[in-house]
Amino acid sequence: MPRISPVRMQERSHSIVAAALVVFGERGFEKASIAQIAALAGTSDGLIYRYFTGKRELLAAALAHFYGQTLELAEREIAAGQGFEGKLHALIRSHIRVFGENTGICRLFIAEVRNFDDYVGSSQQGLNRKYTALLIPVLEAGMDEGVISHEIDHRLVRDMVFGGMEHVAWRHIGSGLTMNVDRLARLVSQFVIGGLKAL
């Protein structure tokens, strides 16, 4: 049997991960199967097991890919924001858009992944912490500008901002309603900015 080149192996791995994201997003972790992922990727179950030990490892790879893309886009948009308010609005809009455009994956993470027995200390929790840490330099920019107090609790603000957005987005996810990303981002930004300035 001829050897498969490293480039071809990487292409196969990427196609499997891309298919896994779709299937996990549509069916959730428990209802998704390796066979469904293989069918969408145009390969066999056996070939998937040459790249991944099982469904959990494949889920971890799919989420790592998803978070990588999400982080990269959010970082670019935050960097393009002007001043504290512009950067905070960019972060909030980017996060809400993730819920609007990737409803299935967000439902999977909130309803299933975070309830895994081994979630605490897992790579998935690490990815989520890295993502929510995007807020810290934005808050520091606000402090440097003298817009918000240096006494604010970064963790408290992070939990309230991301927790609040998740709650709002979950209402839309649960109902199946389409999210008006721009409107929600504007309303949440106004609320958060107003609250921080009042501290």
N, C-alpha and C. Protein backbone atom coordinates (compact mmCIF):
# COMPACT_ATOMS: atom_id res chain seq x y z
N MET A 1 0.84 -1.19 0.00
CA MET A 1 0.00 0.00 0.00
C MET A 1 0.88 1.25 0.00
N PRO A 2 0.67 2.19 -0.92
CA PRO A 2 1.51 3.38 -0.97
C PRO A 2 1.32 4.26 0.26
N ARG A 3 2.40 4.90 0.66
CA ARG A 3 2.35 5.81 1.81
C ARG A 3 1.57 7.07 1.44
N ILE A 4 0.80 7.57 2.40
CA ILE A 4 0.05 8.81 2.20
C ILE A 4 0.93 9.97 2.64
N SER A 5 1.01 11.00 1.83
CA SER A 5 1.87 12.14 2.15
C SER A 5 1.32 12.87 3.36
N PRO A 6 2.19 13.56 4.12
CA PRO A 6 1.75 14.34 5.28
C PRO A 6 0.69 15.38 4.91
N VAL A 7 0.83 15.97 3.72
CA VAL A 7 -0.14 16.97 3.28
C VAL A 7 -1.51 16.33 3.10
N ARG A 8 -1.54 15.16 2.48
CA ARG A 8 -2.80 14.46 2.26
C ARG A 8 -3.41 14.02 3.58
N MET A 9 -2.58 13.59 4.52
CA MET A 9 -3.08 13.20 5.83
C MET A 9 -3.71 14.39 6.55
N GLN A 10 -3.06 15.54 6.43
CA GLN A 10 -3.60 16.75 7.06
C GLN A 10 -4.92 17.15 6.42
N GLU A 11 -4.99 17.03 5.10
CA GLU A 11 -6.24 17.36 4.40
C GLU A 11 -7.37 16.45 4.86
N ARG A 12 -7.07 15.17 5.00
CA ARG A 12 -8.09 14.22 5.46
C ARG A 12 -8.54 14.56 6.88
N SER A 13 -7.58 14.85 7.73
CA SER A 13 -7.90 15.20 9.11
C SER A 13 -8.80 16.43 9.16
N HIS A 14 -8.46 17.44 8.36
CA HIS A 14 -9.25 18.67 8.33
C HIS A 14 -10.67 18.41 7.83
N SER A 15 -10.80 17.55 6.83
CA SER A 15 -12.13 17.26 6.29
C SER A 15 -12.97 16.51 7.32
N ILE A 16 -12.34 15.64 8.09
CA ILE A 16 -13.05 14.90 9.14
C ILE A 16 -13.50 15.86 10.24
N VAL A 17 -12.62 16.77 10.64
CA VAL A 17 -12.96 17.74 11.69
C VAL A 17 -14.09 18.65 11.22
N ALA A 18 -14.02 19.10 9.96
CA ALA A 18 -15.07 19.96 9.41
C ALA A 18 -16.42 19.24 9.42
N ALA A 19 -16.41 17.97 9.05
CA ALA A 19 -17.64 17.17 9.05
C ALA A 19 -18.14 16.98 10.48
N ALA A 20 -17.23 16.77 11.40
CA ALA A 20 -17.61 16.57 12.80
C ALA A 20 -18.30 17.82 13.35
N LEU A 21 -17.79 18.99 13.01
CA LEU A 21 -18.42 20.24 13.47
C LEU A 21 -19.86 20.33 13.01
N VAL A 22 -20.10 19.94 11.77
CA VAL A 22 -21.46 20.00 11.22
C VAL A 22 -22.37 19.00 11.94
N VAL A 23 -21.90 17.77 12.06
CA VAL A 23 -22.73 16.72 12.66
C VAL A 23 -22.97 16.99 14.15
N PHE A 24 -21.92 17.34 14.88
CA PHE A 24 -22.09 17.66 16.30
C PHE A 24 -23.03 18.86 16.47
N GLY A 25 -22.90 19.85 15.60
CA GLY A 25 -23.76 21.02 15.68
C GLY A 25 -25.22 20.70 15.40
N GLU A 26 -25.45 19.78 14.49
CA GLU A 26 -26.83 19.43 14.12
C GLU A 26 -27.46 18.44 15.09
N ARG A 27 -26.67 17.49 15.60
CA ARG A 27 -27.25 16.39 16.38
C ARG A 27 -26.85 16.38 17.85
N GLY A 28 -25.85 17.20 18.21
CA GLY A 28 -25.36 17.12 19.57
C GLY A 28 -24.37 15.99 19.70
N PHE A 29 -23.66 15.95 20.84
CA PHE A 29 -22.62 14.93 20.99
C PHE A 29 -23.21 13.53 21.15
N GLU A 30 -24.19 13.38 22.01
CA GLU A 30 -24.72 12.05 22.30
C GLU A 30 -25.36 11.39 21.08
N LYS A 31 -26.08 12.16 20.28
CA LYS A 31 -26.80 11.58 19.14
C LYS A 31 -25.95 11.48 17.88
N ALA A 32 -24.82 12.16 17.87
CA ALA A 32 -23.94 12.09 16.70
C ALA A 32 -23.20 10.75 16.70
N SER A 33 -22.89 10.26 15.51
CA SER A 33 -22.15 8.99 15.42
C SER A 33 -20.96 9.15 14.48
N ILE A 34 -19.98 8.30 14.68
CA ILE A 34 -18.81 8.28 13.81
C ILE A 34 -19.24 7.98 12.38
N ALA A 35 -20.23 7.12 12.22
CA ALA A 35 -20.71 6.76 10.88
C ALA A 35 -21.28 7.98 10.15
N GLN A 36 -22.02 8.82 10.86
CA GLN A 36 -22.58 10.03 10.25
C GLN A 36 -21.47 10.99 9.84
N ILE A 37 -20.49 11.12 10.70
CA ILE A 37 -19.36 12.01 10.40
C ILE A 37 -18.58 11.49 9.21
N ALA A 38 -18.35 10.19 9.18
CA ALA A 38 -17.62 9.57 8.07
C ALA A 38 -18.36 9.77 6.76
N ALA A 39 -19.68 9.60 6.78
CA ALA A 39 -20.47 9.77 5.56
C ALA A 39 -20.36 11.19 5.03
N LEU A 40 -20.44 12.17 5.92
CA LEU A 40 -20.35 13.56 5.49
C LEU A 40 -18.95 13.89 4.99
N ALA A 41 -17.94 13.30 5.61
CA ALA A 41 -16.55 13.55 5.20
C ALA A 41 -16.17 12.77 3.96
N GLY A 42 -17.04 11.85 3.53
CA GLY A 42 -16.75 11.05 2.34
C GLY A 42 -15.68 10.02 2.58
N THR A 43 -15.66 9.46 3.81
CA THR A 43 -14.65 8.46 4.14
C THR A 43 -15.31 7.31 4.90
N SER A 44 -14.54 6.46 5.50
CA SER A 44 -15.07 5.31 6.23
C SER A 44 -14.87 5.49 7.73
N ASP A 45 -15.66 4.73 8.50
CA ASP A 45 -15.50 4.76 9.96
C ASP A 45 -14.08 4.38 10.35
N GLY A 46 -13.59 3.33 9.70
CA GLY A 46 -12.27 2.83 10.03
C GLY A 46 -11.17 3.86 9.81
N LEU A 47 -11.31 4.65 8.75
CA LEU A 47 -10.29 5.67 8.48
C LEU A 47 -10.31 6.74 9.55
N ILE A 48 -11.49 7.11 10.03
CA ILE A 48 -11.57 8.11 11.09
C ILE A 48 -10.80 7.64 12.32
N TYR A 49 -10.92 6.34 12.63
CA TYR A 49 -10.22 5.80 13.81
C TYR A 49 -8.70 5.73 13.61
N ARG A 50 -8.25 5.93 12.40
CA ARG A 50 -6.80 6.04 12.18
C ARG A 50 -6.29 7.41 12.61
N TYR A 51 -7.19 8.39 12.64
CA TYR A 51 -6.82 9.76 13.00
C TYR A 51 -7.23 10.13 14.42
N PHE A 52 -8.33 9.55 14.89
CA PHE A 52 -8.86 9.89 16.21
C PHE A 52 -9.25 8.61 16.96
N THR A 53 -9.00 8.59 18.26
CA THR A 53 -9.26 7.38 19.04
C THR A 53 -10.76 7.13 19.25
N GLY A 54 -11.55 8.17 19.12
CA GLY A 54 -12.99 8.00 19.33
C GLY A 54 -13.71 9.33 19.22
N LYS A 55 -14.98 9.32 19.59
CA LYS A 55 -15.83 10.48 19.41
C LYS A 55 -15.41 11.65 20.30
N ARG A 56 -14.96 11.36 21.51
CA ARG A 56 -14.55 12.44 22.41
C ARG A 56 -13.32 13.17 21.89
N GLU A 57 -12.36 12.41 21.38
CA GLU A 57 -11.16 13.05 20.84
C GLU A 57 -11.51 13.87 19.60
N LEU A 58 -12.42 13.37 18.80
CA LEU A 58 -12.85 14.09 17.61
C LEU A 58 -13.60 15.36 18.00
N LEU A 59 -14.40 15.28 19.05
CA LEU A 59 -15.10 16.48 19.54
C LEU A 59 -14.09 17.52 20.00
N ALA A 60 -13.06 17.08 20.72
CA ALA A 60 -12.04 18.01 21.21
C ALA A 60 -11.34 18.70 20.04
N ALA A 61 -11.04 17.95 18.99
CA ALA A 61 -10.38 18.54 17.82
C ALA A 61 -11.31 19.51 17.11
N ALA A 62 -12.60 19.16 17.01
CA ALA A 62 -13.56 20.03 16.35
C ALA A 62 -13.73 21.34 17.12
N LEU A 63 -13.82 21.26 18.44
CA LEU A 63 -13.98 22.47 19.24
C LEU A 63 -12.72 23.32 19.21
N ALA A 64 -11.56 22.68 19.20
CA ALA A 64 -10.31 23.44 19.12
C ALA A 64 -10.25 24.22 17.81
N HIS A 65 -10.69 23.59 16.72
CA HIS A 65 -10.72 24.27 15.43
C HIS A 65 -11.72 25.43 15.45
N PHE A 66 -12.89 25.19 16.01
CA PHE A 66 -13.92 26.21 16.10
C PHE A 66 -13.45 27.40 16.92
N TYR A 67 -12.89 27.13 18.09
CA TYR A 67 -12.41 28.21 18.96
C TYR A 67 -11.26 28.96 18.31
N GLY A 68 -10.40 28.24 17.60
CA GLY A 68 -9.28 28.91 16.93
C GLY A 68 -9.76 29.95 15.94
N GLN A 69 -10.72 29.56 15.12
CA GLN A 69 -11.27 30.49 14.13
C GLN A 69 -12.00 31.65 14.81
N THR A 70 -12.77 31.33 15.85
CA THR A 70 -13.55 32.35 16.55
C THR A 70 -12.64 33.36 17.23
N LEU A 71 -11.59 32.87 17.87
CA LEU A 71 -10.63 33.76 18.53
C LEU A 71 -9.94 34.68 17.53
N GLU A 72 -9.52 34.10 16.44
CA GLU A 72 -8.80 34.89 15.42
C GLU A 72 -9.68 36.03 14.90
N LEU A 73 -10.93 35.73 14.59
CA LEU A 73 -11.83 36.75 14.08
C LEU A 73 -12.12 37.80 15.13
N ALA A 74 -12.39 37.38 16.36
CA ALA A 74 -12.68 38.33 17.44
C ALA A 74 -11.49 39.25 17.70
N GLU A 75 -10.29 38.70 17.71
CA GLU A 75 -9.09 39.51 17.95
C GLU A 75 -8.92 40.58 16.87
N ARG A 76 -9.18 40.21 15.61
CA ARG A 76 -9.07 41.18 14.52
C ARG A 76 -10.09 42.30 14.68
N GLU A 77 -11.32 41.93 15.03
CA GLU A 77 -12.37 42.93 15.14
C GLU A 77 -12.15 43.85 16.34
N ILE A 78 -11.68 43.29 17.45
CA ILE A 78 -11.38 44.11 18.63
C ILE A 78 -10.25 45.08 18.31
N ALA A 79 -9.22 44.59 17.64
CA ALA A 79 -8.07 45.44 17.29
C ALA A 79 -8.50 46.61 16.40
N ALA A 80 -9.50 46.39 15.57
CA ALA A 80 -9.97 47.45 14.67
C ALA A 80 -10.87 48.45 15.36
N GLY A 81 -11.37 48.12 16.56
CA GLY A 81 -12.25 49.03 17.29
C GLY A 81 -11.49 50.25 17.79
N GLN A 82 -12.16 51.38 17.79
CA GLN A 82 -11.52 52.63 18.21
C GLN A 82 -11.83 52.91 19.67
N GLY A 83 -10.79 52.92 20.51
CA GLY A 83 -10.97 53.23 21.91
C GLY A 83 -11.71 52.14 22.66
N PHE A 84 -11.90 52.39 23.96
CA PHE A 84 -12.55 51.40 24.83
C PHE A 84 -13.94 51.03 24.33
N GLU A 85 -14.77 52.01 24.06
CA GLU A 85 -16.15 51.72 23.66
C GLU A 85 -16.20 50.96 22.33
N GLY A 86 -15.36 51.36 21.39
CA GLY A 86 -15.33 50.67 20.10
C GLY A 86 -14.87 49.24 20.23
N LYS A 87 -13.87 49.00 21.07
CA LYS A 87 -13.36 47.64 21.25
C LYS A 87 -14.36 46.76 21.99
N LEU A 88 -15.01 47.34 23.01
CA LEU A 88 -16.00 46.56 23.75
C LEU A 88 -17.18 46.20 22.85
N HIS A 89 -17.63 47.15 22.07
CA HIS A 89 -18.74 46.88 21.15
C HIS A 89 -18.35 45.80 20.14
N ALA A 90 -17.10 45.87 19.65
CA ALA A 90 -16.63 44.87 18.68
C ALA A 90 -16.63 43.47 19.30
N LEU A 91 -16.18 43.38 20.55
CA LEU A 91 -16.16 42.09 21.24
C LEU A 91 -17.58 41.56 21.43
N ILE A 92 -18.47 42.41 21.89
CA ILE A 92 -19.85 42.00 22.14
C ILE A 92 -20.53 41.58 20.84
N ARG A 93 -20.34 42.37 19.79
CA ARG A 93 -20.96 42.04 18.51
C ARG A 93 -20.41 40.72 17.97
N SER A 94 -19.11 40.53 18.08
CA SER A 94 -18.48 39.30 17.60
C SER A 94 -19.03 38.09 18.34
N HIS A 95 -19.19 38.23 19.65
CA HIS A 95 -19.68 37.11 20.46
C HIS A 95 -21.14 36.78 20.14
N ILE A 96 -21.96 37.79 20.02
CA ILE A 96 -23.36 37.55 19.70
C ILE A 96 -23.49 36.94 18.30
N ARG A 97 -22.65 37.38 17.37
CA ARG A 97 -22.69 36.83 16.02
C ARG A 97 -22.33 35.34 16.03
N VAL A 98 -21.43 34.95 16.90
CA VAL A 98 -21.07 33.53 17.02
C VAL A 98 -22.31 32.71 17.36
N PHE A 99 -23.11 33.19 18.30
CA PHE A 99 -24.34 32.50 18.66
C PHE A 99 -25.30 32.46 17.49
N GLY A 100 -25.40 33.57 16.77
CA GLY A 100 -26.33 33.64 15.65
C GLY A 100 -25.95 32.75 14.48
N GLU A 101 -24.66 32.62 14.22
CA GLU A 101 -24.19 31.88 13.05
C GLU A 101 -23.81 30.43 13.36
N ASN A 102 -23.62 30.11 14.63
CA ASN A 102 -23.18 28.76 15.01
C ASN A 102 -24.05 28.22 16.14
N THR A 103 -25.35 28.34 15.95
CA THR A 103 -26.30 27.97 17.00
C THR A 103 -26.10 26.55 17.50
N GLY A 104 -25.91 25.62 16.59
CA GLY A 104 -25.77 24.23 16.98
C GLY A 104 -24.55 23.97 17.85
N ILE A 105 -23.42 24.53 17.46
CA ILE A 105 -22.19 24.34 18.24
C ILE A 105 -22.31 25.00 19.60
N CYS A 106 -22.93 26.18 19.65
CA CYS A 106 -23.10 26.87 20.93
C CYS A 106 -24.04 26.08 21.84
N ARG A 107 -25.09 25.52 21.28
CA ARG A 107 -26.00 24.68 22.07
C ARG A 107 -25.26 23.45 22.59
N LEU A 108 -24.46 22.85 21.73
CA LEU A 108 -23.67 21.68 22.11
C LEU A 108 -22.77 22.00 23.30
N PHE A 109 -22.08 23.13 23.23
CA PHE A 109 -21.13 23.49 24.29
C PHE A 109 -21.85 23.76 25.60
N ILE A 110 -22.92 24.55 25.53
CA ILE A 110 -23.62 24.95 26.75
C ILE A 110 -24.36 23.77 27.38
N ALA A 111 -25.10 23.03 26.55
CA ALA A 111 -25.98 21.98 27.08
C ALA A 111 -25.29 20.65 27.34
N GLU A 112 -24.20 20.37 26.63
CA GLU A 112 -23.56 19.07 26.79
C GLU A 112 -22.13 19.15 27.30
N VAL A 113 -21.27 19.86 26.56
CA VAL A 113 -19.84 19.84 26.89
C VAL A 113 -19.58 20.34 28.31
N ARG A 114 -20.23 21.43 28.69
CA ARG A 114 -19.99 21.97 30.03
C ARG A 114 -20.55 21.07 31.13
N ASN A 115 -21.36 20.09 30.76
CA ASN A 115 -21.90 19.16 31.75
C ASN A 115 -21.15 17.83 31.80
N PHE A 116 -20.10 17.70 30.99
CA PHE A 116 -19.28 16.49 31.08
C PHE A 116 -18.65 16.41 32.47
N ASP A 117 -18.53 15.22 33.00
CA ASP A 117 -17.94 15.04 34.33
C ASP A 117 -16.51 15.56 34.41
N ASP A 118 -15.80 15.49 33.30
CA ASP A 118 -14.40 15.89 33.31
C ASP A 118 -14.19 17.27 32.67
N TYR A 119 -15.23 18.08 32.61
CA TYR A 119 -15.10 19.40 31.97
C TYR A 119 -14.10 20.29 32.71
N VAL A 120 -14.21 20.33 34.04
CA VAL A 120 -13.31 21.17 34.83
C VAL A 120 -11.87 20.71 34.64
N GLY A 121 -11.04 21.62 34.18
CA GLY A 121 -9.64 21.30 33.92
C GLY A 121 -9.38 20.72 32.54
N SER A 122 -10.43 20.58 31.74
CA SER A 122 -10.28 20.01 30.40
C SER A 122 -9.78 21.04 29.40
N SER A 123 -9.39 20.55 28.22
CA SER A 123 -8.95 21.47 27.16
C SER A 123 -10.10 22.35 26.71
N GLN A 124 -11.33 21.84 26.79
CA GLN A 124 -12.49 22.64 26.40
C GLN A 124 -12.69 23.82 27.35
N GLN A 125 -12.52 23.59 28.64
CA GLN A 125 -12.62 24.70 29.59
C GLN A 125 -11.48 25.70 29.35
N GLY A 126 -10.31 25.18 29.02
CA GLY A 126 -9.18 26.06 28.74
C GLY A 126 -9.44 26.95 27.54
N LEU A 127 -10.06 26.40 26.50
CA LEU A 127 -10.39 27.18 25.32
C LEU A 127 -11.39 28.27 25.66
N ASN A 128 -12.38 27.92 26.47
CA ASN A 128 -13.39 28.90 26.84
C ASN A 128 -12.79 30.03 27.67
N ARG A 129 -11.88 29.68 28.56
CA ARG A 129 -11.21 30.71 29.38
C ARG A 129 -10.35 31.62 28.52
N LYS A 130 -9.67 31.04 27.55
CA LYS A 130 -8.84 31.85 26.66
C LYS A 130 -9.72 32.82 25.87
N TYR A 131 -10.88 32.34 25.45
CA TYR A 131 -11.79 33.18 24.69
C TYR A 131 -12.34 34.33 25.54
N THR A 132 -12.83 34.02 26.74
CA THR A 132 -13.41 35.08 27.58
C THR A 132 -12.34 36.05 28.08
N ALA A 133 -11.08 35.62 28.07
CA ALA A 133 -9.99 36.51 28.48
C ALA A 133 -9.79 37.66 27.50
N LEU A 134 -10.43 37.59 26.32
CA LEU A 134 -10.35 38.69 25.37
C LEU A 134 -10.86 39.99 25.97
N LEU A 135 -11.72 39.87 26.99
CA LEU A 135 -12.30 41.07 27.60
C LEU A 135 -11.29 41.84 28.44
N ILE A 136 -10.29 41.15 29.00
CA ILE A 136 -9.37 41.79 29.95
C ILE A 136 -8.62 42.97 29.34
N PRO A 137 -7.94 42.82 28.17
CA PRO A 137 -7.25 43.99 27.60
C PRO A 137 -8.21 45.11 27.19
N VAL A 138 -9.46 44.76 26.89
CA VAL A 138 -10.44 45.79 26.55
C VAL A 138 -10.74 46.62 27.79
N LEU A 139 -10.93 45.95 28.94
CA LEU A 139 -11.15 46.67 30.19
C LEU A 139 -9.93 47.52 30.56
N GLU A 140 -8.75 46.99 30.33
CA GLU A 140 -7.53 47.74 30.64
C GLU A 140 -7.41 48.98 29.76
N ALA A 141 -7.89 48.88 28.52
CA ALA A 141 -7.90 50.05 27.64
C ALA A 141 -8.82 51.12 28.22
N GLY A 142 -9.97 50.68 28.77
CA GLY A 142 -10.89 51.63 29.39
C GLY A 142 -10.28 52.30 30.61
N MET A 143 -9.50 51.55 31.37
CA MET A 143 -8.83 52.12 32.53
C MET A 143 -7.77 53.13 32.10
N ASP A 144 -7.01 52.77 31.07
CA ASP A 144 -5.96 53.67 30.58
C ASP A 144 -6.55 54.98 30.06
N GLU A 145 -7.75 54.90 29.49
CA GLU A 145 -8.41 56.11 28.99
C GLU A 145 -9.07 56.90 30.10
N GLY A 146 -9.14 56.31 31.29
CA GLY A 146 -9.80 56.99 32.41
C GLY A 146 -11.31 56.92 32.32
N VAL A 147 -11.82 56.00 31.48
CA VAL A 147 -13.26 55.88 31.29
C VAL A 147 -13.90 55.04 32.39
N ILE A 148 -13.18 54.01 32.84
CA ILE A 148 -13.70 53.16 33.91
C ILE A 148 -12.67 53.07 35.04
N SER A 149 -13.14 52.72 36.21
CA SER A 149 -12.30 52.69 37.40
C SER A 149 -11.29 51.56 37.37
N HIS A 150 -10.12 51.82 37.97
CA HIS A 150 -9.10 50.78 38.12
C HIS A 150 -9.49 49.78 39.20
N GLU A 151 -10.55 50.06 39.93
CA GLU A 151 -10.96 49.21 41.04
C GLU A 151 -11.93 48.10 40.64
N ILE A 152 -12.34 48.08 39.38
CA ILE A 152 -13.33 47.07 38.99
C ILE A 152 -12.73 45.67 39.09
N ASP A 153 -13.60 44.72 39.34
CA ASP A 153 -13.20 43.31 39.44
C ASP A 153 -13.31 42.70 38.04
N HIS A 154 -12.17 42.42 37.42
CA HIS A 154 -12.15 41.90 36.07
C HIS A 154 -12.99 40.63 35.92
N ARG A 155 -12.86 39.71 36.88
CA ARG A 155 -13.57 38.44 36.78
C ARG A 155 -15.08 38.64 36.90
N LEU A 156 -15.48 39.55 37.78
CA LEU A 156 -16.91 39.83 37.94
C LEU A 156 -17.49 40.40 36.65
N VAL A 157 -16.78 41.36 36.05
CA VAL A 157 -17.26 41.96 34.81
C VAL A 157 -17.29 40.92 33.69
N ARG A 158 -16.27 40.09 33.62
CA ARG A 158 -16.23 39.04 32.60
C ARG A 158 -17.42 38.10 32.73
N ASP A 159 -17.68 37.67 33.97
CA ASP A 159 -18.79 36.73 34.18
C ASP A 159 -20.14 37.37 33.85
N MET A 160 -20.29 38.64 34.18
CA MET A 160 -21.56 39.32 33.92
C MET A 160 -21.75 39.57 32.43
N VAL A 161 -20.69 39.98 31.75
CA VAL A 161 -20.79 40.28 30.32
C VAL A 161 -21.07 39.01 29.52
N PHE A 162 -20.22 38.00 29.69
CA PHE A 162 -20.41 36.77 28.90
C PHE A 162 -21.63 35.98 29.38
N GLY A 163 -21.87 35.97 30.68
CA GLY A 163 -23.05 35.28 31.19
C GLY A 163 -24.34 35.94 30.72
N GLY A 164 -24.34 37.26 30.71
CA GLY A 164 -25.52 37.97 30.23
C GLY A 164 -25.78 37.74 28.76
N MET A 165 -24.72 37.79 27.95
CA MET A 165 -24.90 37.54 26.52
C MET A 165 -25.36 36.12 26.25
N GLU A 166 -24.83 35.18 27.02
CA GLU A 166 -25.24 33.79 26.84
C GLU A 166 -26.73 33.63 27.17
N HIS A 167 -27.18 34.28 28.23
CA HIS A 167 -28.58 34.18 28.62
C HIS A 167 -29.49 34.75 27.53
N VAL A 168 -29.11 35.91 27.00
CA VAL A 168 -29.90 36.52 25.93
C VAL A 168 -29.91 35.64 24.69
N ALA A 169 -28.73 35.14 24.32
CA ALA A 169 -28.63 34.30 23.12
C ALA A 169 -29.38 32.99 23.29
N TRP A 170 -29.34 32.41 24.49
CA TRP A 170 -30.00 31.13 24.72
C TRP A 170 -31.50 31.24 24.51
N ARG A 171 -32.06 32.39 24.83
CA ARG A 171 -33.49 32.61 24.61
C ARG A 171 -33.82 32.45 23.12
N HIS A 172 -32.93 32.96 22.28
CA HIS A 172 -33.12 32.85 20.83
C HIS A 172 -32.85 31.43 20.35
N ILE A 173 -31.81 30.81 20.89
CA ILE A 173 -31.47 29.45 20.50
C ILE A 173 -32.61 28.49 20.85
N GLY A 174 -33.14 28.64 22.06
CA GLY A 174 -34.20 27.76 22.51
C GLY A 174 -35.50 27.93 21.73
N SER A 175 -35.76 29.16 21.29
CA SER A 175 -37.01 29.43 20.57
C SER A 175 -36.90 29.21 19.07
N GLY A 176 -35.65 29.18 18.59
CA GLY A 176 -35.44 29.03 17.16
C GLY A 176 -35.59 30.33 16.39
N LEU A 177 -35.74 31.44 17.12
CA LEU A 177 -35.90 32.74 16.47
C LEU A 177 -34.57 33.24 15.91
N THR A 178 -34.63 33.98 14.81
CA THR A 178 -33.44 34.56 14.22
C THR A 178 -32.96 35.74 15.08
N MET A 179 -31.67 35.80 15.30
CA MET A 179 -31.11 36.88 16.11
C MET A 179 -30.80 38.09 15.25
N ASN A 180 -31.19 39.26 15.73
CA ASN A 180 -30.78 40.52 15.11
C ASN A 180 -29.47 40.91 15.77
N VAL A 181 -28.38 40.48 15.19
CA VAL A 181 -27.06 40.64 15.81
C VAL A 181 -26.73 42.09 16.09
N ASP A 182 -26.93 42.97 15.11
CA ASP A 182 -26.57 44.38 15.28
C ASP A 182 -27.38 45.03 16.39
N ARG A 183 -28.67 44.76 16.40
CA ARG A 183 -29.53 45.38 17.43
C ARG A 183 -29.15 44.89 18.83
N LEU A 184 -28.99 43.57 18.97
CA LEU A 184 -28.62 43.02 20.28
C LEU A 184 -27.26 43.54 20.74
N ALA A 185 -26.31 43.60 19.82
CA ALA A 185 -24.97 44.08 20.16
C ALA A 185 -25.03 45.53 20.63
N ARG A 186 -25.83 46.33 19.96
CA ARG A 186 -25.95 47.74 20.34
C ARG A 186 -26.57 47.88 21.74
N LEU A 187 -27.64 47.13 21.99
CA LEU A 187 -28.32 47.22 23.28
C LEU A 187 -27.44 46.72 24.42
N VAL A 188 -26.77 45.58 24.21
CA VAL A 188 -25.90 45.04 25.25
C VAL A 188 -24.72 45.97 25.49
N SER A 189 -24.14 46.50 24.44
CA SER A 189 -23.01 47.43 24.58
C SER A 189 -23.40 48.66 25.38
N GLN A 190 -24.55 49.23 25.07
CA GLN A 190 -25.02 50.41 25.80
C GLN A 190 -25.20 50.11 27.28
N PHE A 191 -25.77 48.94 27.56
CA PHE A 191 -26.01 48.55 28.95
C PHE A 191 -24.69 48.36 29.70
N VAL A 192 -23.76 47.62 29.09
CA VAL A 192 -22.49 47.32 29.75
C VAL A 192 -21.65 48.58 29.93
N ILE A 193 -21.54 49.37 28.87
CA ILE A 193 -20.74 50.61 28.95
C ILE A 193 -21.32 51.55 29.99
N GLY A 194 -22.64 51.70 29.98
CA GLY A 194 -23.27 52.56 30.98
C GLY A 194 -23.02 52.07 32.39
N GLY A 195 -23.10 50.76 32.59
CA GLY A 195 -22.87 50.19 33.91
C GLY A 195 -21.44 50.34 34.37
N LEU A 196 -20.48 50.14 33.49
CA LEU A 196 -19.07 50.27 33.85
C LEU A 196 -18.71 51.71 34.17
N LYS A 197 -19.24 52.64 33.42
CA LYS A 197 -18.94 54.05 33.67
C LYS A 197 -19.51 54.53 35.01
N ALA A 198 -20.56 53.83 35.45
CA ALA A 198 -21.20 54.23 36.71
C ALA A 198 -20.44 53.71 37.92
N LEU A 199 -19.52 52.76 37.71
CA LEU A 199 -18.78 52.19 38.82
C LEU A 199 -17.77 53.18 39.38
